[in-house]
N, C-alpha and C. Protein backbone atom coordinates (compact mmCIF):
# COMPACT_ATOMS: atom_id res chain seq x y z
N MET A 1 0.85 -1.18 0.00
CA MET A 1 0.00 0.00 0.00
C MET A 1 0.89 1.24 0.00
N GLN A 2 0.66 2.09 -0.94
CA GLN A 2 1.48 3.29 -1.12
C GLN A 2 1.42 4.21 0.09
N LEU A 3 0.28 4.31 0.74
CA LEU A 3 0.16 5.18 1.91
C LEU A 3 1.08 4.73 3.04
N PHE A 4 1.26 3.43 3.18
CA PHE A 4 2.17 2.93 4.22
C PHE A 4 3.60 3.39 3.91
N ASP A 5 3.98 3.35 2.64
CA ASP A 5 5.32 3.82 2.25
C ASP A 5 5.49 5.30 2.58
N VAL A 6 4.45 6.10 2.34
CA VAL A 6 4.49 7.52 2.69
C VAL A 6 4.66 7.68 4.20
N LEU A 7 3.91 6.90 4.95
CA LEU A 7 3.99 6.94 6.41
C LEU A 7 5.41 6.64 6.88
N GLN A 8 6.03 5.64 6.28
CA GLN A 8 7.39 5.25 6.65
C GLN A 8 8.41 6.33 6.28
N GLU A 9 8.31 6.84 5.07
CA GLU A 9 9.25 7.86 4.61
C GLU A 9 9.18 9.11 5.47
N GLU A 10 7.96 9.52 5.79
CA GLU A 10 7.80 10.73 6.59
C GLU A 10 8.27 10.51 8.03
N ARG A 11 8.13 9.31 8.54
CA ARG A 11 8.65 9.02 9.88
C ARG A 11 10.17 9.10 9.88
N GLU A 12 10.79 8.59 8.84
CA GLU A 12 12.25 8.67 8.75
C GLU A 12 12.72 10.12 8.70
N CYS A 13 11.99 10.95 7.97
CA CYS A 13 12.33 12.40 7.93
C CYS A 13 12.15 13.03 9.30
N LEU A 14 11.09 12.66 9.99
CA LEU A 14 10.84 13.19 11.33
C LEU A 14 11.97 12.81 12.28
N ILE A 15 12.37 11.56 12.24
CA ILE A 15 13.45 11.09 13.12
C ILE A 15 14.77 11.76 12.76
N SER A 16 15.05 11.88 11.47
CA SER A 16 16.31 12.51 11.08
C SER A 16 16.33 14.00 11.42
N SER A 17 15.16 14.61 11.56
CA SER A 17 15.10 16.03 11.90
C SER A 17 15.56 16.33 13.32
N ILE A 18 15.69 15.28 14.13
CA ILE A 18 16.12 15.49 15.52
C ILE A 18 17.47 14.81 15.79
N ASP A 19 18.14 14.37 14.74
CA ASP A 19 19.43 13.68 14.87
C ASP A 19 20.48 14.50 15.61
N ASP A 20 20.42 15.80 15.48
CA ASP A 20 21.44 16.66 16.08
C ASP A 20 21.18 16.96 17.55
N LEU A 21 20.06 16.51 18.09
CA LEU A 21 19.72 16.81 19.49
C LEU A 21 20.34 15.78 20.44
N GLU A 22 20.72 16.26 21.60
CA GLU A 22 21.23 15.39 22.66
C GLU A 22 20.06 14.72 23.37
N GLU A 23 20.36 13.62 24.03
CA GLU A 23 19.31 12.87 24.73
C GLU A 23 18.56 13.75 25.74
N ASN A 24 19.29 14.59 26.48
CA ASN A 24 18.61 15.45 27.46
C ASN A 24 17.68 16.46 26.78
N GLU A 25 18.01 16.89 25.56
CA GLU A 25 17.14 17.81 24.82
C GLU A 25 15.86 17.10 24.36
N LEU A 26 15.98 15.83 24.05
CA LEU A 26 14.82 15.04 23.63
C LEU A 26 13.82 14.85 24.76
N HIS A 27 14.31 15.00 25.99
CA HIS A 27 13.47 14.84 27.18
C HIS A 27 13.08 16.18 27.80
N ASN A 28 13.42 17.28 27.15
CA ASN A 28 13.12 18.62 27.65
C ASN A 28 11.61 18.85 27.64
N GLN A 29 11.05 19.23 28.77
CA GLN A 29 9.60 19.43 28.93
C GLN A 29 9.20 20.89 28.77
N CYS A 30 9.94 21.67 28.01
CA CYS A 30 9.67 23.10 27.89
C CYS A 30 8.36 23.42 27.18
N TYR A 31 7.80 22.47 26.49
CA TYR A 31 6.61 22.73 25.69
C TYR A 31 5.60 21.60 25.90
N GLY A 32 5.14 21.41 27.10
CA GLY A 32 4.20 20.31 27.36
C GLY A 32 4.91 18.99 27.23
N TRP A 33 4.56 18.22 26.21
CA TRP A 33 5.24 16.95 25.97
C TRP A 33 6.66 17.21 25.46
N ASN A 34 7.56 16.25 25.75
CA ASN A 34 8.87 16.31 25.14
C ASN A 34 8.85 15.49 23.83
N ILE A 35 9.93 15.52 23.09
CA ILE A 35 9.96 14.84 21.79
C ILE A 35 9.78 13.34 21.94
N ILE A 36 10.37 12.76 22.96
CA ILE A 36 10.21 11.31 23.19
C ILE A 36 8.74 10.99 23.44
N GLN A 37 8.05 11.85 24.19
CA GLN A 37 6.62 11.63 24.44
C GLN A 37 5.80 11.73 23.15
N VAL A 38 6.17 12.62 22.27
CA VAL A 38 5.47 12.73 20.98
C VAL A 38 5.65 11.43 20.21
N PHE A 39 6.88 10.94 20.14
CA PHE A 39 7.14 9.68 19.43
C PHE A 39 6.41 8.52 20.11
N SER A 40 6.41 8.51 21.43
CA SER A 40 5.72 7.47 22.18
C SER A 40 4.22 7.51 21.91
N HIS A 41 3.66 8.72 21.87
CA HIS A 41 2.23 8.89 21.56
C HIS A 41 1.90 8.35 20.17
N LEU A 42 2.71 8.69 19.19
CA LEU A 42 2.47 8.20 17.83
C LEU A 42 2.54 6.68 17.79
N ASN A 43 3.54 6.12 18.46
CA ASN A 43 3.68 4.67 18.50
C ASN A 43 2.49 4.02 19.20
N MET A 44 2.11 4.57 20.36
CA MET A 44 0.99 4.00 21.11
C MET A 44 -0.31 4.03 20.31
N SER A 45 -0.56 5.13 19.62
CA SER A 45 -1.81 5.23 18.86
C SER A 45 -1.81 4.25 17.68
N GLU A 46 -0.67 4.10 17.02
CA GLU A 46 -0.59 3.15 15.91
C GLU A 46 -0.70 1.71 16.41
N LYS A 47 -0.03 1.41 17.51
CA LYS A 47 -0.06 0.05 18.06
C LYS A 47 -1.48 -0.33 18.47
N ALA A 48 -2.16 0.59 19.18
CA ALA A 48 -3.53 0.33 19.60
C ALA A 48 -4.45 0.16 18.38
N SER A 49 -4.20 0.94 17.34
CA SER A 49 -5.01 0.86 16.13
C SER A 49 -4.84 -0.47 15.42
N VAL A 50 -3.60 -0.93 15.32
CA VAL A 50 -3.35 -2.21 14.66
C VAL A 50 -3.99 -3.35 15.47
N LEU A 51 -3.87 -3.30 16.78
CA LEU A 51 -4.50 -4.32 17.63
C LEU A 51 -6.01 -4.32 17.44
N TYR A 52 -6.60 -3.13 17.39
CA TYR A 52 -8.05 -3.00 17.18
C TYR A 52 -8.45 -3.60 15.83
N MET A 53 -7.70 -3.26 14.77
CA MET A 53 -8.05 -3.76 13.44
C MET A 53 -7.90 -5.28 13.36
N LYS A 54 -6.89 -5.82 14.03
CA LYS A 54 -6.73 -7.28 14.06
C LYS A 54 -7.94 -7.93 14.73
N LYS A 55 -8.39 -7.32 15.81
CA LYS A 55 -9.55 -7.85 16.53
C LYS A 55 -10.80 -7.75 15.66
N LYS A 56 -11.02 -6.59 15.03
CA LYS A 56 -12.20 -6.40 14.18
C LYS A 56 -12.21 -7.37 13.00
N MET A 57 -11.03 -7.71 12.52
CA MET A 57 -10.91 -8.58 11.36
C MET A 57 -11.55 -9.94 11.63
N ARG A 58 -11.57 -10.34 12.88
CA ARG A 58 -12.16 -11.64 13.22
C ARG A 58 -13.65 -11.68 12.92
N ALA A 59 -14.29 -10.52 12.83
CA ALA A 59 -15.72 -10.46 12.51
C ALA A 59 -15.99 -10.82 11.05
N GLY A 60 -14.94 -10.73 10.22
CA GLY A 60 -15.07 -11.11 8.81
C GLY A 60 -16.19 -10.40 8.09
N GLU A 61 -17.10 -11.15 7.51
CA GLU A 61 -18.23 -10.60 6.74
C GLU A 61 -19.15 -9.73 7.58
N HIS A 62 -19.06 -9.84 8.89
CA HIS A 62 -19.94 -9.06 9.77
C HIS A 62 -19.41 -7.65 10.03
N MET A 63 -18.21 -7.36 9.53
CA MET A 63 -17.71 -5.99 9.65
C MET A 63 -18.62 -5.08 8.83
N PRO A 64 -18.93 -3.89 9.35
CA PRO A 64 -19.79 -3.00 8.57
C PRO A 64 -19.09 -2.54 7.30
N LYS A 65 -19.89 -2.21 6.31
CA LYS A 65 -19.34 -1.67 5.06
C LYS A 65 -18.91 -0.23 5.30
N PHE A 66 -17.85 0.17 4.60
CA PHE A 66 -17.37 1.55 4.68
C PHE A 66 -18.43 2.44 4.04
N SER A 67 -18.90 3.43 4.78
CA SER A 67 -20.04 4.22 4.34
C SER A 67 -19.63 5.64 3.93
N PHE A 68 -20.61 6.33 3.36
CA PHE A 68 -20.43 7.74 3.01
C PHE A 68 -20.14 8.54 4.27
N ARG A 69 -20.78 8.20 5.36
CA ARG A 69 -20.55 8.89 6.64
C ARG A 69 -19.08 8.76 7.06
N GLY A 70 -18.49 7.59 6.85
CA GLY A 70 -17.08 7.38 7.16
C GLY A 70 -16.19 8.25 6.28
N LYS A 71 -16.55 8.37 5.01
CA LYS A 71 -15.77 9.22 4.09
C LYS A 71 -15.81 10.67 4.53
N ILE A 72 -16.98 11.13 4.95
CA ILE A 72 -17.14 12.51 5.42
C ILE A 72 -16.34 12.70 6.71
N GLY A 73 -16.44 11.73 7.62
CA GLY A 73 -15.69 11.79 8.88
C GLY A 73 -14.19 11.87 8.63
N PHE A 74 -13.70 11.06 7.68
CA PHE A 74 -12.28 11.09 7.34
C PHE A 74 -11.89 12.44 6.77
N PHE A 75 -12.72 12.98 5.88
CA PHE A 75 -12.44 14.28 5.26
C PHE A 75 -12.27 15.36 6.33
N PHE A 76 -13.21 15.43 7.27
CA PHE A 76 -13.14 16.47 8.30
C PHE A 76 -11.98 16.23 9.27
N THR A 77 -11.71 14.98 9.59
CA THR A 77 -10.59 14.67 10.48
C THR A 77 -9.28 15.04 9.82
N LYS A 78 -9.16 14.76 8.54
CA LYS A 78 -7.96 15.13 7.78
C LYS A 78 -7.75 16.64 7.83
N ARG A 79 -8.81 17.40 7.61
CA ARG A 79 -8.72 18.86 7.65
C ARG A 79 -8.35 19.34 9.05
N LEU A 80 -8.91 18.72 10.05
CA LEU A 80 -8.62 19.08 11.43
C LEU A 80 -7.14 18.83 11.75
N LEU A 81 -6.63 17.69 11.31
CA LEU A 81 -5.22 17.36 11.55
C LEU A 81 -4.28 18.27 10.77
N GLN A 82 -4.74 18.80 9.65
CA GLN A 82 -3.92 19.71 8.86
C GLN A 82 -3.92 21.12 9.44
N SER A 83 -4.83 21.40 10.34
CA SER A 83 -4.92 22.73 10.93
C SER A 83 -3.90 22.88 12.06
N SER A 84 -3.79 24.07 12.57
CA SER A 84 -2.89 24.32 13.70
C SER A 84 -3.63 24.22 15.03
N LEU A 85 -4.87 23.77 14.98
CA LEU A 85 -5.64 23.61 16.21
C LEU A 85 -5.03 22.54 17.10
N LYS A 86 -5.18 22.72 18.41
CA LYS A 86 -4.69 21.73 19.36
C LYS A 86 -5.87 21.21 20.16
N TRP A 87 -5.80 19.96 20.55
CA TRP A 87 -6.82 19.36 21.39
C TRP A 87 -6.17 18.22 22.16
N ASN A 88 -6.86 17.75 23.16
CA ASN A 88 -6.33 16.67 23.99
C ASN A 88 -6.46 15.33 23.28
N ALA A 89 -5.45 14.51 23.47
CA ALA A 89 -5.47 13.16 22.92
C ALA A 89 -6.54 12.34 23.64
N PRO A 90 -7.09 11.30 22.99
CA PRO A 90 -8.02 10.41 23.69
C PRO A 90 -7.36 9.87 24.97
N LYS A 91 -8.15 9.69 26.01
CA LYS A 91 -7.63 9.30 27.32
C LYS A 91 -6.74 8.06 27.28
N VAL A 92 -7.06 7.13 26.40
CA VAL A 92 -6.29 5.89 26.30
C VAL A 92 -4.81 6.15 26.01
N ILE A 93 -4.52 7.20 25.23
CA ILE A 93 -3.14 7.49 24.84
C ILE A 93 -2.72 8.91 25.23
N ALA A 94 -3.40 9.48 26.22
CA ALA A 94 -3.17 10.87 26.58
C ALA A 94 -1.92 11.10 27.42
N SER A 95 -1.37 10.07 28.01
CA SER A 95 -0.19 10.22 28.87
C SER A 95 0.95 9.35 28.37
N PRO A 96 1.59 9.78 27.28
CA PRO A 96 2.67 8.95 26.73
C PRO A 96 3.89 8.94 27.64
N ASN A 97 4.55 7.82 27.66
CA ASN A 97 5.76 7.65 28.47
C ASN A 97 6.92 8.39 27.81
N GLY A 98 7.58 9.24 28.56
CA GLY A 98 8.73 9.98 28.04
C GLY A 98 10.04 9.51 28.62
N ASP A 99 10.03 8.35 29.27
CA ASP A 99 11.24 7.85 29.93
C ASP A 99 12.14 7.01 29.04
N PHE A 100 11.73 6.77 27.81
CA PHE A 100 12.53 5.96 26.90
C PHE A 100 13.71 6.76 26.36
N SER A 101 14.74 6.04 25.96
CA SER A 101 15.80 6.67 25.17
C SER A 101 15.30 6.74 23.74
N LEU A 102 15.96 7.54 22.92
CA LEU A 102 15.57 7.62 21.51
C LEU A 102 15.66 6.25 20.86
N GLU A 103 16.72 5.52 21.15
CA GLU A 103 16.88 4.19 20.54
C GLU A 103 15.76 3.24 20.97
N GLU A 104 15.36 3.31 22.23
CA GLU A 104 14.28 2.43 22.71
C GLU A 104 12.96 2.74 22.02
N ILE A 105 12.62 4.03 21.91
CA ILE A 105 11.34 4.36 21.29
C ILE A 105 11.36 4.07 19.79
N LYS A 106 12.52 4.27 19.15
CA LYS A 106 12.63 3.93 17.73
C LYS A 106 12.43 2.42 17.53
N GLU A 107 13.01 1.61 18.41
CA GLU A 107 12.87 0.16 18.30
C GLU A 107 11.40 -0.26 18.49
N GLN A 108 10.74 0.33 19.47
CA GLN A 108 9.33 0.01 19.69
C GLN A 108 8.49 0.42 18.49
N TRP A 109 8.78 1.59 17.96
CA TRP A 109 8.04 2.09 16.80
C TRP A 109 8.31 1.23 15.57
N ASN A 110 9.55 0.78 15.40
CA ASN A 110 9.88 -0.13 14.30
C ASN A 110 9.06 -1.41 14.40
N GLN A 111 8.92 -1.92 15.61
CA GLN A 111 8.14 -3.15 15.85
C GLN A 111 6.67 -2.92 15.46
N THR A 112 6.12 -1.80 15.89
CA THR A 112 4.73 -1.48 15.56
C THR A 112 4.55 -1.36 14.05
N ARG A 113 5.47 -0.69 13.39
CA ARG A 113 5.37 -0.52 11.94
C ARG A 113 5.51 -1.86 11.21
N SER A 114 6.33 -2.73 11.74
CA SER A 114 6.47 -4.07 11.15
C SER A 114 5.15 -4.83 11.26
N GLU A 115 4.51 -4.74 12.42
CA GLU A 115 3.20 -5.39 12.61
C GLU A 115 2.16 -4.79 11.66
N MET A 116 2.20 -3.46 11.51
CA MET A 116 1.26 -2.79 10.62
C MET A 116 1.48 -3.23 9.17
N LYS A 117 2.73 -3.28 8.77
CA LYS A 117 3.06 -3.68 7.39
C LYS A 117 2.56 -5.10 7.12
N ASN A 118 2.81 -6.01 8.06
CA ASN A 118 2.34 -7.39 7.90
C ASN A 118 0.83 -7.45 7.82
N TYR A 119 0.16 -6.68 8.67
CA TYR A 119 -1.30 -6.65 8.67
C TYR A 119 -1.82 -6.18 7.31
N ILE A 120 -1.24 -5.11 6.80
CA ILE A 120 -1.67 -4.57 5.51
C ILE A 120 -1.45 -5.58 4.39
N HIS A 121 -0.28 -6.23 4.39
CA HIS A 121 0.03 -7.19 3.32
C HIS A 121 -0.84 -8.45 3.39
N GLU A 122 -1.28 -8.79 4.58
CA GLU A 122 -2.10 -10.00 4.75
C GLU A 122 -3.60 -9.70 4.70
N TYR A 123 -3.97 -8.44 4.57
CA TYR A 123 -5.37 -8.04 4.60
C TYR A 123 -6.12 -8.66 3.42
N PRO A 124 -7.20 -9.40 3.69
CA PRO A 124 -7.95 -10.05 2.60
C PRO A 124 -8.62 -9.04 1.67
N HIS A 125 -8.44 -9.23 0.39
CA HIS A 125 -8.99 -8.31 -0.61
C HIS A 125 -10.51 -8.21 -0.51
N GLU A 126 -11.18 -9.27 -0.13
CA GLU A 126 -12.64 -9.24 -0.09
C GLU A 126 -13.19 -8.30 1.00
N PHE A 127 -12.32 -7.84 1.91
CA PHE A 127 -12.76 -6.93 2.96
C PHE A 127 -12.29 -5.49 2.74
N ILE A 128 -11.81 -5.21 1.53
CA ILE A 128 -11.22 -3.91 1.26
C ILE A 128 -12.23 -2.76 1.45
N ASN A 129 -13.52 -3.01 1.26
CA ASN A 129 -14.55 -1.98 1.43
C ASN A 129 -15.26 -2.08 2.78
N ARG A 130 -14.63 -2.74 3.72
CA ARG A 130 -15.22 -2.88 5.04
C ARG A 130 -14.61 -1.88 6.01
N ALA A 131 -15.39 -1.44 6.97
CA ALA A 131 -14.94 -0.48 7.98
C ALA A 131 -14.26 -1.25 9.11
N VAL A 132 -12.96 -1.43 8.98
CA VAL A 132 -12.19 -2.25 9.90
C VAL A 132 -11.66 -1.45 11.09
N TYR A 133 -11.73 -0.13 11.01
CA TYR A 133 -11.11 0.72 12.02
C TYR A 133 -12.11 1.76 12.52
N LYS A 134 -12.08 2.01 13.82
CA LYS A 134 -12.95 3.05 14.39
C LYS A 134 -12.07 4.16 14.93
N HIS A 135 -12.00 5.25 14.17
CA HIS A 135 -11.20 6.41 14.55
C HIS A 135 -11.96 7.19 15.61
N PRO A 136 -11.23 7.73 16.63
CA PRO A 136 -11.92 8.44 17.71
C PRO A 136 -12.74 9.65 17.25
N PHE A 137 -12.37 10.29 16.15
CA PHE A 137 -13.11 11.46 15.65
C PHE A 137 -13.85 11.15 14.36
N ALA A 138 -13.20 10.47 13.43
CA ALA A 138 -13.77 10.24 12.10
C ALA A 138 -14.84 9.16 12.08
N GLY A 139 -14.80 8.24 13.02
CA GLY A 139 -15.75 7.13 13.01
C GLY A 139 -15.16 5.93 12.28
N ARG A 140 -16.02 5.12 11.70
CA ARG A 140 -15.59 3.86 11.07
C ARG A 140 -14.96 4.10 9.70
N LEU A 141 -13.73 3.57 9.55
CA LEU A 141 -12.96 3.77 8.32
C LEU A 141 -12.53 2.44 7.73
N ASP A 142 -12.32 2.44 6.42
CA ASP A 142 -11.73 1.27 5.77
C ASP A 142 -10.21 1.32 5.97
N LEU A 143 -9.52 0.29 5.51
CA LEU A 143 -8.08 0.18 5.73
C LEU A 143 -7.33 1.36 5.11
N ARG A 144 -7.69 1.75 3.91
CA ARG A 144 -6.99 2.86 3.24
C ARG A 144 -7.12 4.16 4.04
N CYS A 145 -8.31 4.48 4.49
CA CYS A 145 -8.50 5.71 5.28
C CYS A 145 -7.85 5.58 6.65
N ALA A 146 -7.82 4.38 7.21
CA ALA A 146 -7.15 4.18 8.50
C ALA A 146 -5.67 4.54 8.37
N VAL A 147 -5.01 4.00 7.35
CA VAL A 147 -3.59 4.31 7.15
C VAL A 147 -3.42 5.79 6.81
N GLY A 148 -4.34 6.34 6.04
CA GLY A 148 -4.32 7.78 5.75
C GLY A 148 -4.42 8.60 7.02
N SER A 149 -5.24 8.16 7.96
CA SER A 149 -5.36 8.89 9.22
C SER A 149 -4.05 8.85 10.00
N PHE A 150 -3.30 7.74 9.89
CA PHE A 150 -1.99 7.66 10.55
C PHE A 150 -1.02 8.67 9.93
N VAL A 151 -1.08 8.81 8.60
CA VAL A 151 -0.22 9.77 7.90
C VAL A 151 -0.52 11.18 8.40
N TYR A 152 -1.79 11.56 8.41
CA TYR A 152 -2.15 12.92 8.82
C TYR A 152 -1.91 13.15 10.31
N HIS A 153 -2.09 12.12 11.11
CA HIS A 153 -1.80 12.23 12.54
C HIS A 153 -0.31 12.49 12.75
N GLN A 154 0.52 11.74 12.05
CA GLN A 154 1.97 11.92 12.17
C GLN A 154 2.37 13.32 11.70
N ARG A 155 1.82 13.77 10.58
CA ARG A 155 2.13 15.11 10.07
C ARG A 155 1.73 16.18 11.08
N HIS A 156 0.61 15.98 11.75
CA HIS A 156 0.15 16.93 12.76
C HIS A 156 1.21 17.08 13.86
N HIS A 157 1.82 15.97 14.24
CA HIS A 157 2.81 16.01 15.31
C HIS A 157 4.19 16.48 14.85
N VAL A 158 4.44 16.50 13.55
CA VAL A 158 5.68 17.07 13.03
C VAL A 158 5.76 18.54 13.43
N HIS A 159 4.64 19.22 13.35
CA HIS A 159 4.60 20.64 13.74
C HIS A 159 4.90 20.79 15.24
N GLN A 160 4.42 19.86 16.02
CA GLN A 160 4.68 19.89 17.46
C GLN A 160 6.17 19.71 17.74
N VAL A 161 6.80 18.78 17.04
CA VAL A 161 8.24 18.56 17.21
C VAL A 161 9.01 19.81 16.81
N ARG A 162 8.59 20.47 15.74
CA ARG A 162 9.26 21.72 15.32
C ARG A 162 9.14 22.79 16.40
N ARG A 163 7.95 22.91 17.00
CA ARG A 163 7.75 23.90 18.07
C ARG A 163 8.64 23.58 19.28
N ILE A 164 8.74 22.31 19.61
CA ILE A 164 9.59 21.90 20.74
C ILE A 164 11.05 22.24 20.44
N ARG A 165 11.48 21.92 19.23
CA ARG A 165 12.87 22.25 18.82
C ARG A 165 13.14 23.74 18.98
N LYS A 166 12.20 24.56 18.55
CA LYS A 166 12.35 26.01 18.64
C LYS A 166 12.51 26.44 20.10
N MET A 167 11.70 25.86 20.98
CA MET A 167 11.76 26.20 22.41
C MET A 167 13.10 25.75 23.01
N ILE A 168 13.61 24.62 22.60
CA ILE A 168 14.88 24.10 23.11
C ILE A 168 16.01 25.00 22.66
N SER A 169 15.92 25.54 21.45
CA SER A 169 16.99 26.37 20.89
C SER A 169 17.11 27.73 21.56
N LYS A 170 16.07 28.16 22.25
CA LYS A 170 16.09 29.51 22.86
C LYS A 170 17.02 29.59 24.03
């Protein structure tokens, strides 16, 4: 799936954008969350999403069909994530752990992405129009929109990492 490749490429750019920072700077709490917490949040949300989709997949033919309402929900969520608006993360992932080293969080995130890639490659074609994912804002999405939501979610947090970098540099 091409969207997964975009997700991976953009994550690599995000990680390389902080290569010059020291470990203590990655843990700097000058702007709410630190950079490690942002990465942890992204990993936690993706990991929880993949687990949810794996569970939903067991319903097979009983999964709801991807609807026009889901398409509208995805459209508005995408626009919201592209905006500079801020809001609280869902309670399940609202308190990301910032105690990891950069290497530890990268390894965890690599594991999550590996699971996601396997899930996408093994996804049965006959369920491609099924709503396998329930996004907290957009509602029920098909696999393509689910991965798209991960892309826009990650992009939303790129801006947060840039703001944190700016605060650290002062």
